[in-house]
């Protein structure tokens, strides 16, 4: 995952190779909640919109705190609910 400027807003793309369904959710709080619905880019990639804490108009983006945020992904349509680490986003 790339670095995000504290005032930036951008789509982050993650690879998820073992989720056959279309509904993937992301967590930025260690898996306590999965509030971010990801968009499928293709069969192995999803993306989601994030913003730094100083973004002037984050809109529907998920605002991340300064520092490193680990992103977890899960397949919300699977009865197993496998959770995968998608990497980290560094906000500076």
PDB file of N, CA and C in Angstrom:
ATOM      1  N   UNK A   1       0.851  -1.167   0.000  1.00  0.00           N
ATOM      2  CA  UNK A   1       0.000   0.000   0.000  1.00  0.00           C
ATOM      3  C   UNK A   1       0.903   1.239   0.000  1.00  0.00           C
ATOM      4  N   UNK A   2       0.500   2.247  -0.683  1.00  0.00           N
ATOM      5  CA  UNK A   2       1.334   3.458  -0.767  1.00  0.00           C
ATOM      6  C   UNK A   2       1.166   4.371   0.449  1.00  0.00           C
ATOM      7  N   UNK A   3       1.928   5.423   0.432  1.00  0.00           N
ATOM      8  CA  UNK A   3       1.808   6.465   1.448  1.00  0.00           C
ATOM      9  C   UNK A   3       0.721   7.440   1.015  1.00  0.00           C
ATOM     10  N   UNK A   4       0.055   8.013   1.985  1.00  0.00           N
ATOM     11  CA  UNK A   4      -0.994   8.997   1.739  1.00  0.00           C
ATOM     12  C   UNK A   4      -0.626  10.274   2.467  1.00  0.00           C
ATOM     13  N   UNK A   5      -0.663  11.386   1.773  1.00  0.00           N
ATOM     14  CA  UNK A   5      -0.401  12.676   2.404  1.00  0.00           C
ATOM     15  C   UNK A   5      -1.542  12.992   3.353  1.00  0.00           C
ATOM     16  N   UNK A   6      -1.254  13.660   4.452  1.00  0.00           N
ATOM     17  CA  UNK A   6      -2.276  13.954   5.469  1.00  0.00           C
ATOM     18  C   UNK A   6      -3.456  14.744   4.923  1.00  0.00           C
ATOM     19  N   UNK A   7      -3.270  15.462   3.810  1.00  0.00           N
ATOM     20  CA  UNK A   7      -4.374  16.218   3.212  1.00  0.00           C
ATOM     21  C   UNK A   7      -4.909  15.551   1.940  1.00  0.00           C
ATOM     22  N   UNK A   8      -4.392  14.364   1.638  1.00  0.00           N
ATOM     23  CA  UNK A   8      -4.750  13.686   0.396  1.00  0.00           C
ATOM     24  C   UNK A   8      -6.020  12.856   0.490  1.00  0.00           C
ATOM     25  N   UNK A   9      -6.607  12.620  -0.692  1.00  0.00           N
ATOM     26  CA  UNK A   9      -7.750  11.720  -0.847  1.00  0.00           C
ATOM     27  C   UNK A   9      -7.455  10.877  -2.078  1.00  0.00           C
ATOM     28  N   UNK A  10      -7.443   9.570  -1.923  1.00  0.00           N
ATOM     29  CA  UNK A  10      -7.196   8.731  -3.096  1.00  0.00           C
ATOM     30  C   UNK A  10      -7.708   7.310  -2.898  1.00  0.00           C
ATOM     31  N   UNK A  11      -7.875   6.628  -4.028  1.00  0.00           N
ATOM     32  CA  UNK A  11      -8.262   5.226  -3.993  1.00  0.00           C
ATOM     33  C   UNK A  11      -7.039   4.377  -3.710  1.00  0.00           C
ATOM     34  N   UNK A  12      -7.198   3.407  -2.833  1.00  0.00           N
ATOM     35  CA  UNK A  12      -6.169   2.421  -2.558  1.00  0.00           C
ATOM     36  C   UNK A  12      -6.638   1.098  -3.151  1.00  0.00           C
ATOM     37  N   UNK A  13      -5.721   0.381  -3.765  1.00  0.00           N
ATOM     38  CA  UNK A  13      -6.041  -0.900  -4.381  1.00  0.00           C
ATOM     39  C   UNK A  13      -5.329  -2.010  -3.625  1.00  0.00           C
ATOM     40  N   UNK A  14      -6.049  -3.095  -3.374  1.00  0.00           N
ATOM     41  CA  UNK A  14      -5.478  -4.246  -2.673  1.00  0.00           C
ATOM     42  C   UNK A  14      -5.737  -5.515  -3.469  1.00  0.00           C
ATOM     43  N   UNK A  15      -4.832  -6.460  -3.347  1.00  0.00           N
ATOM     44  CA  UNK A  15      -4.986  -7.759  -3.997  1.00  0.00           C
ATOM     45  C   UNK A  15      -5.662  -8.713  -3.029  1.00  0.00           C
ATOM     46  N   UNK A  16      -6.682  -9.406  -3.539  1.00  0.00           N
ATOM     47  CA  UNK A  16      -7.354 -10.434  -2.739  1.00  0.00           C
ATOM     48  C   UNK A  16      -7.647 -11.595  -3.687  1.00  0.00           C
ATOM     49  N   UNK A  17      -6.844 -12.636  -3.574  1.00  0.00           N
ATOM     50  CA  UNK A  17      -6.880 -13.704  -4.569  1.00  0.00           C
ATOM     51  C   UNK A  17      -7.844 -14.836  -4.264  1.00  0.00           C
ATOM     52  N   UNK A  18      -8.350 -14.900  -3.039  1.00  0.00           N
ATOM     53  CA  UNK A  18      -9.146 -16.071  -2.707  1.00  0.00           C
ATOM     54  C   UNK A  18     -10.571 -15.731  -2.259  1.00  0.00           C
ATOM     55  N   UNK A  19     -11.139 -14.669  -2.803  1.00  0.00           N
ATOM     56  CA  UNK A  19     -12.514 -14.295  -2.460  1.00  0.00           C
ATOM     57  C   UNK A  19     -13.378 -14.395  -3.713  1.00  0.00           C
ATOM     58  N   UNK A  20     -14.177 -15.444  -3.815  1.00  0.00           N
ATOM     59  CA  UNK A  20     -14.952 -15.663  -5.031  1.00  0.00           C
ATOM     60  C   UNK A  20     -16.168 -14.752  -5.189  1.00  0.00           C
ATOM     61  N   UNK A  21     -16.647 -14.171  -4.103  1.00  0.00           N
ATOM     62  CA  UNK A  21     -17.847 -13.347  -4.214  1.00  0.00           C
ATOM     63  C   UNK A  21     -17.501 -11.910  -4.543  1.00  0.00           C
ATOM     64  N   UNK A  22     -18.513 -11.135  -4.764  1.00  0.00           N
ATOM     65  CA  UNK A  22     -18.312  -9.750  -5.180  1.00  0.00           C
ATOM     66  C   UNK A  22     -18.274  -8.760  -4.021  1.00  0.00           C
ATOM     67  N   UNK A  23     -18.693  -9.159  -2.827  1.00  0.00           N
ATOM     68  CA  UNK A  23     -18.806  -8.209  -1.724  1.00  0.00           C
ATOM     69  C   UNK A  23     -17.627  -8.373  -0.764  1.00  0.00           C
ATOM     70  N   UNK A  24     -16.715  -7.416  -0.803  1.00  0.00           N
ATOM     71  CA  UNK A  24     -15.542  -7.408   0.057  1.00  0.00           C
ATOM     72  C   UNK A  24     -15.620  -6.158   0.922  1.00  0.00           C
ATOM     73  N   UNK A  25     -15.368  -6.320   2.208  1.00  0.00           N
ATOM     74  CA  UNK A  25     -15.384  -5.193   3.135  1.00  0.00           C
ATOM     75  C   UNK A  25     -13.999  -5.035   3.746  1.00  0.00           C
ATOM     76  N   UNK A  26     -13.675  -3.794   4.123  1.00  0.00           N
ATOM     77  CA  UNK A  26     -12.364  -3.500   4.709  1.00  0.00           C
ATOM     78  C   UNK A  26     -12.521  -2.954   6.124  1.00  0.00           C
ATOM     79  N   UNK A  27     -11.499  -3.221   6.926  1.00  0.00           N
ATOM     80  CA  UNK A  27     -11.433  -2.736   8.300  1.00  0.00           C
ATOM     81  C   UNK A  27     -10.148  -1.961   8.494  1.00  0.00           C
ATOM     82  N   UNK A  28     -10.229  -0.875   9.250  1.00  0.00           N
ATOM     83  CA  UNK A  28      -9.022  -0.124   9.610  1.00  0.00           C
ATOM     84  C   UNK A  28      -8.863  -0.057  11.131  1.00  0.00           C
ATOM     85  N   UNK A  29      -9.661  -0.839  11.853  1.00  0.00           N
ATOM     86  CA  UNK A  29      -9.599  -0.819  13.317  1.00  0.00           C
ATOM     87  C   UNK A  29      -9.259  -2.194  13.898  1.00  0.00           C
ATOM     88  N   UNK A  30      -8.407  -2.922  13.195  1.00  0.00           N
ATOM     89  CA  UNK A  30      -7.967  -4.219  13.693  1.00  0.00           C
ATOM     90  C   UNK A  30      -8.987  -5.336  13.572  1.00  0.00           C
ATOM     91  N   UNK A  31     -10.022  -5.124  12.764  1.00  0.00           N
ATOM     92  CA  UNK A  31     -11.034  -6.145  12.562  1.00  0.00           C
ATOM     93  C   UNK A  31     -12.225  -6.032  13.492  1.00  0.00           C
ATOM     94  N   UNK A  32     -12.279  -4.978  14.306  1.00  0.00           N
ATOM     95  CA  UNK A  32     -13.432  -4.795  15.191  1.00  0.00           C
ATOM     96  C   UNK A  32     -14.698  -4.526  14.378  1.00  0.00           C
ATOM     97  N   UNK A  33     -14.557  -3.760  13.312  1.00  0.00           N
ATOM     98  CA  UNK A  33     -15.664  -3.484  12.398  1.00  0.00           C
ATOM     99  C   UNK A  33     -15.156  -3.538  10.968  1.00  0.00           C
ATOM    100  N   UNK A  34     -16.052  -3.755  10.032  1.00  0.00           N
ATOM    101  CA  UNK A  34     -15.731  -3.770   8.599  1.00  0.00           C
ATOM    102  C   UNK A  34     -16.698  -2.833   7.878  1.00  0.00           C
ATOM    103  N   UNK A  35     -16.559  -1.512   8.106  1.00  0.00           N
ATOM    104  CA  UNK A  35     -17.524  -0.561   7.563  1.00  0.00           C
ATOM    105  C   UNK A  35     -17.287  -0.141   6.112  1.00  0.00           C
ATOM    106  N   UNK A  36     -16.133  -0.475   5.551  1.00  0.00           N
ATOM    107  CA  UNK A  36     -15.785   0.023   4.219  1.00  0.00           C
ATOM    108  C   UNK A  36     -16.132  -1.025   3.174  1.00  0.00           C
ATOM    109  N   UNK A  37     -17.053  -0.710   2.278  1.00  0.00           N
ATOM    110  CA  UNK A  37     -17.374  -1.610   1.176  1.00  0.00           C
ATOM    111  C   UNK A  37     -16.421  -1.313   0.032  1.00  0.00           C
ATOM    112  N   UNK A  38     -15.735  -2.331  -0.427  1.00  0.00           N
ATOM    113  CA  UNK A  38     -14.755  -2.174  -1.506  1.00  0.00           C
ATOM    114  C   UNK A  38     -15.421  -2.369  -2.864  1.00  0.00           C
ATOM    115  N   UNK A  39     -14.842  -1.722  -3.863  1.00  0.00           N
ATOM    116  CA  UNK A  39     -15.277  -1.913  -5.247  1.00  0.00           C
ATOM    117  C   UNK A  39     -14.323  -2.899  -5.910  1.00  0.00           C
ATOM    118  N   UNK A  40     -14.870  -3.809  -6.691  1.00  0.00           N
ATOM    119  CA  UNK A  40     -14.029  -4.745  -7.442  1.00  0.00           C
ATOM    120  C   UNK A  40     -13.417  -4.026  -8.635  1.00  0.00           C
ATOM    121  N   UNK A  41     -12.103  -4.194  -8.798  1.00  0.00           N
ATOM    122  CA  UNK A  41     -11.411  -3.680  -9.973  1.00  0.00           C
ATOM    123  C   UNK A  41     -11.395  -4.768 -11.030  1.00  0.00           C
ATOM    124  N   UNK A  42     -11.076  -5.985 -10.602  1.00  0.00           N
ATOM    125  CA  UNK A  42     -11.095  -7.174 -11.454  1.00  0.00           C
ATOM    126  C   UNK A  42     -11.220  -8.377 -10.516  1.00  0.00           C
ATOM    127  N   UNK A  43     -10.918  -9.567 -10.969  1.00  0.00           N
ATOM    128  CA  UNK A  43     -11.136 -10.753 -10.143  1.00  0.00           C
ATOM    129  C   UNK A  43     -10.187 -10.860  -8.954  1.00  0.00           C
ATOM    130  N   UNK A  44      -9.074 -10.158  -8.980  1.00  0.00           N
ATOM    131  CA  UNK A  44      -8.117 -10.267  -7.884  1.00  0.00           C
ATOM    132  C   UNK A  44      -7.787  -8.948  -7.191  1.00  0.00           C
ATOM    133  N   UNK A  45      -8.486  -7.870  -7.538  1.00  0.00           N
ATOM    134  CA  UNK A  45      -8.190  -6.579  -6.923  1.00  0.00           C
ATOM    135  C   UNK A  45      -9.463  -5.853  -6.508  1.00  0.00           C
ATOM    136  N   UNK A  46      -9.374  -5.185  -5.359  1.00  0.00           N
ATOM    137  CA  UNK A  46     -10.458  -4.333  -4.882  1.00  0.00           C
ATOM    138  C   UNK A  46      -9.868  -2.957  -4.590  1.00  0.00           C
ATOM    139  N   UNK A  47     -10.752  -1.953  -4.513  1.00  0.00           N
ATOM    140  CA  UNK A  47     -10.265  -0.629  -4.162  1.00  0.00           C
ATOM    141  C   UNK A  47     -11.257   0.046  -3.222  1.00  0.00           C
ATOM    142  N   UNK A  48     -10.747   1.021  -2.487  1.00  0.00           N
ATOM    143  CA  UNK A  48     -11.561   1.773  -1.542  1.00  0.00           C
ATOM    144  C   UNK A  48     -10.961   3.170  -1.410  1.00  0.00           C
ATOM    145  N   UNK A  49     -11.793   4.139  -1.075  1.00  0.00           N
ATOM    146  CA  UNK A  49     -11.396   5.542  -1.020  1.00  0.00           C
ATOM    147  C   UNK A  49     -11.028   5.926   0.404  1.00  0.00           C
ATOM    148  N   UNK A  50      -9.845   6.496   0.575  1.00  0.00           N
ATOM    149  CA  UNK A  50      -9.388   6.941   1.888  1.00  0.00           C
ATOM    150  C   UNK A  50      -8.918   8.391   1.819  1.00  0.00           C
ATOM    151  N   UNK A  51      -8.898   9.038   2.979  1.00  0.00           N
ATOM    152  CA  UNK A  51      -8.450  10.423   3.075  1.00  0.00           C
ATOM    153  C   UNK A  51      -7.568  10.572   4.300  1.00  0.00           C
ATOM    154  N   UNK A  52      -6.659  11.519   4.225  1.00  0.00           N
ATOM    155  CA  UNK A  52      -5.848  11.849   5.385  1.00  0.00           C
ATOM    156  C   UNK A  52      -6.652  12.711   6.352  1.00  0.00           C
ATOM    157  N   UNK A  53      -6.192  12.850   7.595  1.00  0.00           N
ATOM    158  CA  UNK A  53      -6.948  13.587   8.601  1.00  0.00           C
ATOM    159  C   UNK A  53      -7.069  15.078   8.330  1.00  0.00           C
ATOM    160  N   UNK A  54      -6.239  15.614   7.446  1.00  0.00           N
ATOM    161  CA  UNK A  54      -6.298  17.039   7.128  1.00  0.00           C
ATOM    162  C   UNK A  54      -6.976  17.319   5.796  1.00  0.00           C
ATOM    163  N   UNK A  55      -7.585  16.324   5.183  1.00  0.00           N
ATOM    164  CA  UNK A  55      -8.277  16.519   3.892  1.00  0.00           C
ATOM    165  C   UNK A  55      -9.413  17.518   4.086  1.00  0.00           C
ATOM    166  N   UNK A  56      -9.505  18.500   3.186  1.00  0.00           N
ATOM    167  CA  UNK A  56     -10.496  19.564   3.362  1.00  0.00           C
ATOM    168  C   UNK A  56     -11.924  19.105   3.097  1.00  0.00           C
ATOM    169  N   UNK A  57     -12.125  18.200   2.167  1.00  0.00           N
ATOM    170  CA  UNK A  57     -13.467  17.706   1.844  1.00  0.00           C
ATOM    171  C   UNK A  57     -13.407  16.207   1.592  1.00  0.00           C
ATOM    172  N   UNK A  58     -13.349  15.384   2.647  1.00  0.00           N
ATOM    173  CA  UNK A  58     -13.184  13.945   2.438  1.00  0.00           C
ATOM    174  C   UNK A  58     -14.404  13.263   1.824  1.00  0.00           C
ATOM    175  N   UNK A  59     -15.572  13.879   1.907  1.00  0.00           N
ATOM    176  CA  UNK A  59     -16.772  13.278   1.314  1.00  0.00           C
ATOM    177  C   UNK A  59     -17.014  11.885   1.845  1.00  0.00           C
ATOM    178  N   UNK A  60     -17.129  10.913   0.951  1.00  0.00           N
ATOM    179  CA  UNK A  60     -17.425   9.534   1.351  1.00  0.00           C
ATOM    180  C   UNK A  60     -16.172   8.721   1.680  1.00  0.00           C
ATOM    181  N   UNK A  61     -15.004   9.347   1.605  1.00  0.00           N
ATOM    182  CA  UNK A  61     -13.759   8.637   1.905  1.00  0.00           C
ATOM    183  C   UNK A  61     -13.673   8.310   3.388  1.00  0.00           C
ATOM    184  N   UNK A  62     -13.005   7.215   3.699  1.00  0.00           N
ATOM    185  CA  UNK A  62     -12.735   6.851   5.082  1.00  0.00           C
ATOM    186  C   UNK A  62     -11.504   7.621   5.533  1.00  0.00           C
ATOM    187  N   UNK A  63     -11.637   8.399   6.587  1.00  0.00           N
ATOM    188  CA  UNK A  63     -10.536   9.223   7.082  1.00  0.00           C
ATOM    189  C   UNK A  63      -9.631   8.381   7.979  1.00  0.00           C
ATOM    190  N   UNK A  64      -8.350   8.376   7.633  1.00  0.00           N
ATOM    191  CA  UNK A  64      -7.353   7.611   8.379  1.00  0.00           C
ATOM    192  C   UNK A  64      -6.585   8.531   9.315  1.00  0.00           C
ATOM    193  N   UNK A  65      -6.120   8.014  10.446  1.00  0.00           N
ATOM    194  CA  UNK A  65      -5.295   8.818  11.345  1.00  0.00           C
ATOM    195  C   UNK A  65      -3.861   8.903  10.825  1.00  0.00           C
ATOM    196  N   UNK A  66      -3.083   9.812  11.392  1.00  0.00           N
ATOM    197  CA  UNK A  66      -1.661   9.869  11.066  1.00  0.00           C
ATOM    198  C   UNK A  66      -0.990   8.586  11.526  1.00  0.00           C
ATOM    199  N   UNK A  67       0.045   8.196  10.816  1.00  0.00           N
ATOM    200  CA  UNK A  67       0.777   6.976  11.157  1.00  0.00           C
ATOM    201  C   UNK A  67       0.391   5.820  10.259  1.00  0.00           C
ATOM    202  N   UNK A  68       0.643   4.609  10.730  1.00  0.00           N
ATOM    203  CA  UNK A  68       0.398   3.398   9.942  1.00  0.00           C
ATOM    204  C   UNK A  68      -0.937   2.772  10.323  1.00  0.00           C
ATOM    205  N   UNK A  69      -1.736   2.480   9.302  1.00  0.00           N
ATOM    206  CA  UNK A  69      -3.011   1.798   9.483  1.00  0.00           C
ATOM    207  C   UNK A  69      -2.971   0.488   8.719  1.00  0.00           C
ATOM    208  N   UNK A  70      -3.179  -0.623   9.419  1.00  0.00           N
ATOM    209  CA  UNK A  70      -3.229  -1.934   8.771  1.00  0.00           C
ATOM    210  C   UNK A  70      -4.650  -2.153   8.264  1.00  0.00           C
ATOM    211  N   UNK A  71      -4.746  -2.564   7.010  1.00  0.00           N
ATOM    212  CA  UNK A  71      -6.049  -2.793   6.380  1.00  0.00           C
ATOM    213  C   UNK A  71      -6.320  -4.292   6.331  1.00  0.00           C
ATOM    214  N   UNK A  72      -7.496  -4.683   6.824  1.00  0.00           N
ATOM    215  CA  UNK A  72      -7.947  -6.068   6.751  1.00  0.00           C
ATOM    216  C   UNK A  72      -9.116  -6.147   5.781  1.00  0.00           C
ATOM    217  N   UNK A  73      -9.184  -7.243   5.030  1.00  0.00           N
ATOM    218  CA  UNK A  73     -10.284  -7.462   4.086  1.00  0.00           C
ATOM    219  C   UNK A  73     -11.000  -8.753   4.445  1.00  0.00           C
ATOM    220  N   UNK A  74     -12.301  -8.769   4.198  1.00  0.00           N
ATOM    221  CA  UNK A  74     -13.043 -10.018   4.375  1.00  0.00           C
ATOM    222  C   UNK A  74     -14.136 -10.117   3.325  1.00  0.00           C
ATOM    223  N   UNK A  75     -14.468 -11.346   3.012  1.00  0.00           N
ATOM    224  CA  UNK A  75     -15.527 -11.665   2.070  1.00  0.00           C
ATOM    225  C   UNK A  75     -16.825 -11.726   2.868  1.00  0.00           C
ATOM    226  N   UNK A  76     -17.697 -10.764   2.694  1.00  0.00           N
ATOM    227  CA  UNK A  76     -18.901 -10.685   3.527  1.00  0.00           C
ATOM    228  C   UNK A  76     -19.975 -11.685   3.135  1.00  0.00           C
ATOM    229  N   UNK A  77     -19.854 -12.325   1.977  1.00  0.00           N
ATOM    230  CA  UNK A  77     -20.839 -13.311   1.537  1.00  0.00           C
ATOM    231  C   UNK A  77     -20.456 -14.750   1.881  1.00  0.00           C
ATOM    232  N   UNK A  78     -19.320 -14.943   2.485  1.00  0.00           N
ATOM    233  CA  UNK A  78     -18.846 -16.287   2.788  1.00  0.00           C
ATOM    234  C   UNK A  78     -19.271 -16.706   4.194  1.00  0.00           C
ATOM    235  N   UNK A  79     -19.756 -17.932   4.360  1.00  0.00           N
ATOM    236  CA  UNK A  79     -20.100 -18.385   5.699  1.00  0.00           C
ATOM    237  C   UNK A  79     -18.870 -18.542   6.604  1.00  0.00           C
ATOM    238  N   UNK A  80     -17.687 -18.655   5.996  1.00  0.00           N
ATOM    239  CA  UNK A  80     -16.465 -18.805   6.779  1.00  0.00           C
ATOM    240  C   UNK A  80     -15.911 -17.474   7.269  1.00  0.00           C
ATOM    241  N   UNK A  81     -16.225 -16.378   6.584  1.00  0.00           N
ATOM    242  CA  UNK A  81     -15.710 -15.044   6.884  1.00  0.00           C
ATOM    243  C   UNK A  81     -14.190 -15.012   7.034  1.00  0.00           C
ATOM    244  N   UNK A  82     -13.469 -15.469   6.003  1.00  0.00           N
ATOM    245  CA  UNK A  82     -12.011 -15.395   6.082  1.00  0.00           C
ATOM    246  C   UNK A  82     -11.561 -13.933   6.089  1.00  0.00           C
ATOM    247  N   UNK A  83     -10.584 -13.631   6.913  1.00  0.00           N
ATOM    248  CA  UNK A  83     -10.047 -12.273   7.004  1.00  0.00           C
ATOM    249  C   UNK A  83      -8.601 -12.313   6.543  1.00  0.00           C
ATOM    250  N   UNK A  84      -8.240 -11.392   5.679  1.00  0.00           N
ATOM    251  CA  UNK A  84      -6.883 -11.333   5.125  1.00  0.00           C
ATOM    252  C   UNK A  84      -6.291  -9.952   5.352  1.00  0.00           C
ATOM    253  N   UNK A  85      -4.998  -9.899   5.650  1.00  0.00           N
ATOM    254  CA  UNK A  85      -4.315  -8.624   5.757  1.00  0.00           C
ATOM    255  C   UNK A  85      -3.994  -8.122   4.357  1.00  0.00           C
ATOM    256  N   UNK A  86      -4.370  -6.876   4.090  1.00  0.00           N
ATOM    257  CA  UNK A  86      -4.159  -6.311   2.759  1.00  0.00           C
ATOM    258  C   UNK A  86      -2.959  -5.381   2.710  1.00  0.00           C
ATOM    259  N   UNK A  87      -2.277  -5.229   3.818  1.00  0.00           N
ATOM    260  CA  UNK A  87      -1.143  -4.339   3.863  1.00  0.00           C
ATOM    261  C   UNK A  87      -1.406  -3.159   4.785  1.00  0.00           C
ATOM    262  N   UNK A  88      -0.563  -2.154   4.685  1.00  0.00           N
ATOM    263  CA  UNK A  88      -0.690  -0.990   5.557  1.00  0.00           C
ATOM    264  C   UNK A  88      -0.636   0.272   4.733  1.00  0.00           C
ATOM    265  N   UNK A  89      -1.292   1.305   5.227  1.00  0.00           N
ATOM    266  CA  UNK A  89      -1.254   2.626   4.616  1.00  0.00           C
ATOM    267  C   UNK A  89      -0.548   3.548   5.609  1.00  0.00           C
ATOM    268  N   UNK A  90       0.494   4.207   5.137  1.00  0.00           N
ATOM    269  CA  UNK A  90       1.211   5.162   5.975  1.00  0.00           C
ATOM    270  C   UNK A  90       0.721   6.565   5.650  1.00  0.00           C
ATOM    271  N   UNK A  91       0.198   7.261   6.649  1.00  0.00           N
ATOM    272  CA  UNK A  91      -0.293   8.629   6.466  1.00  0.00           C
ATOM    273  C   UNK A  91       0.694   9.566   7.163  1.00  0.00           C
ATOM    274  N   UNK A  92       1.221  10.514   6.394  1.00  0.00           N
ATOM    275  CA  UNK A  92       2.185  11.466   6.950  1.00  0.00           C
ATOM    276  C   UNK A  92       1.898  12.864   6.452  1.00  0.00           C
TER     277      UNK A  92
END
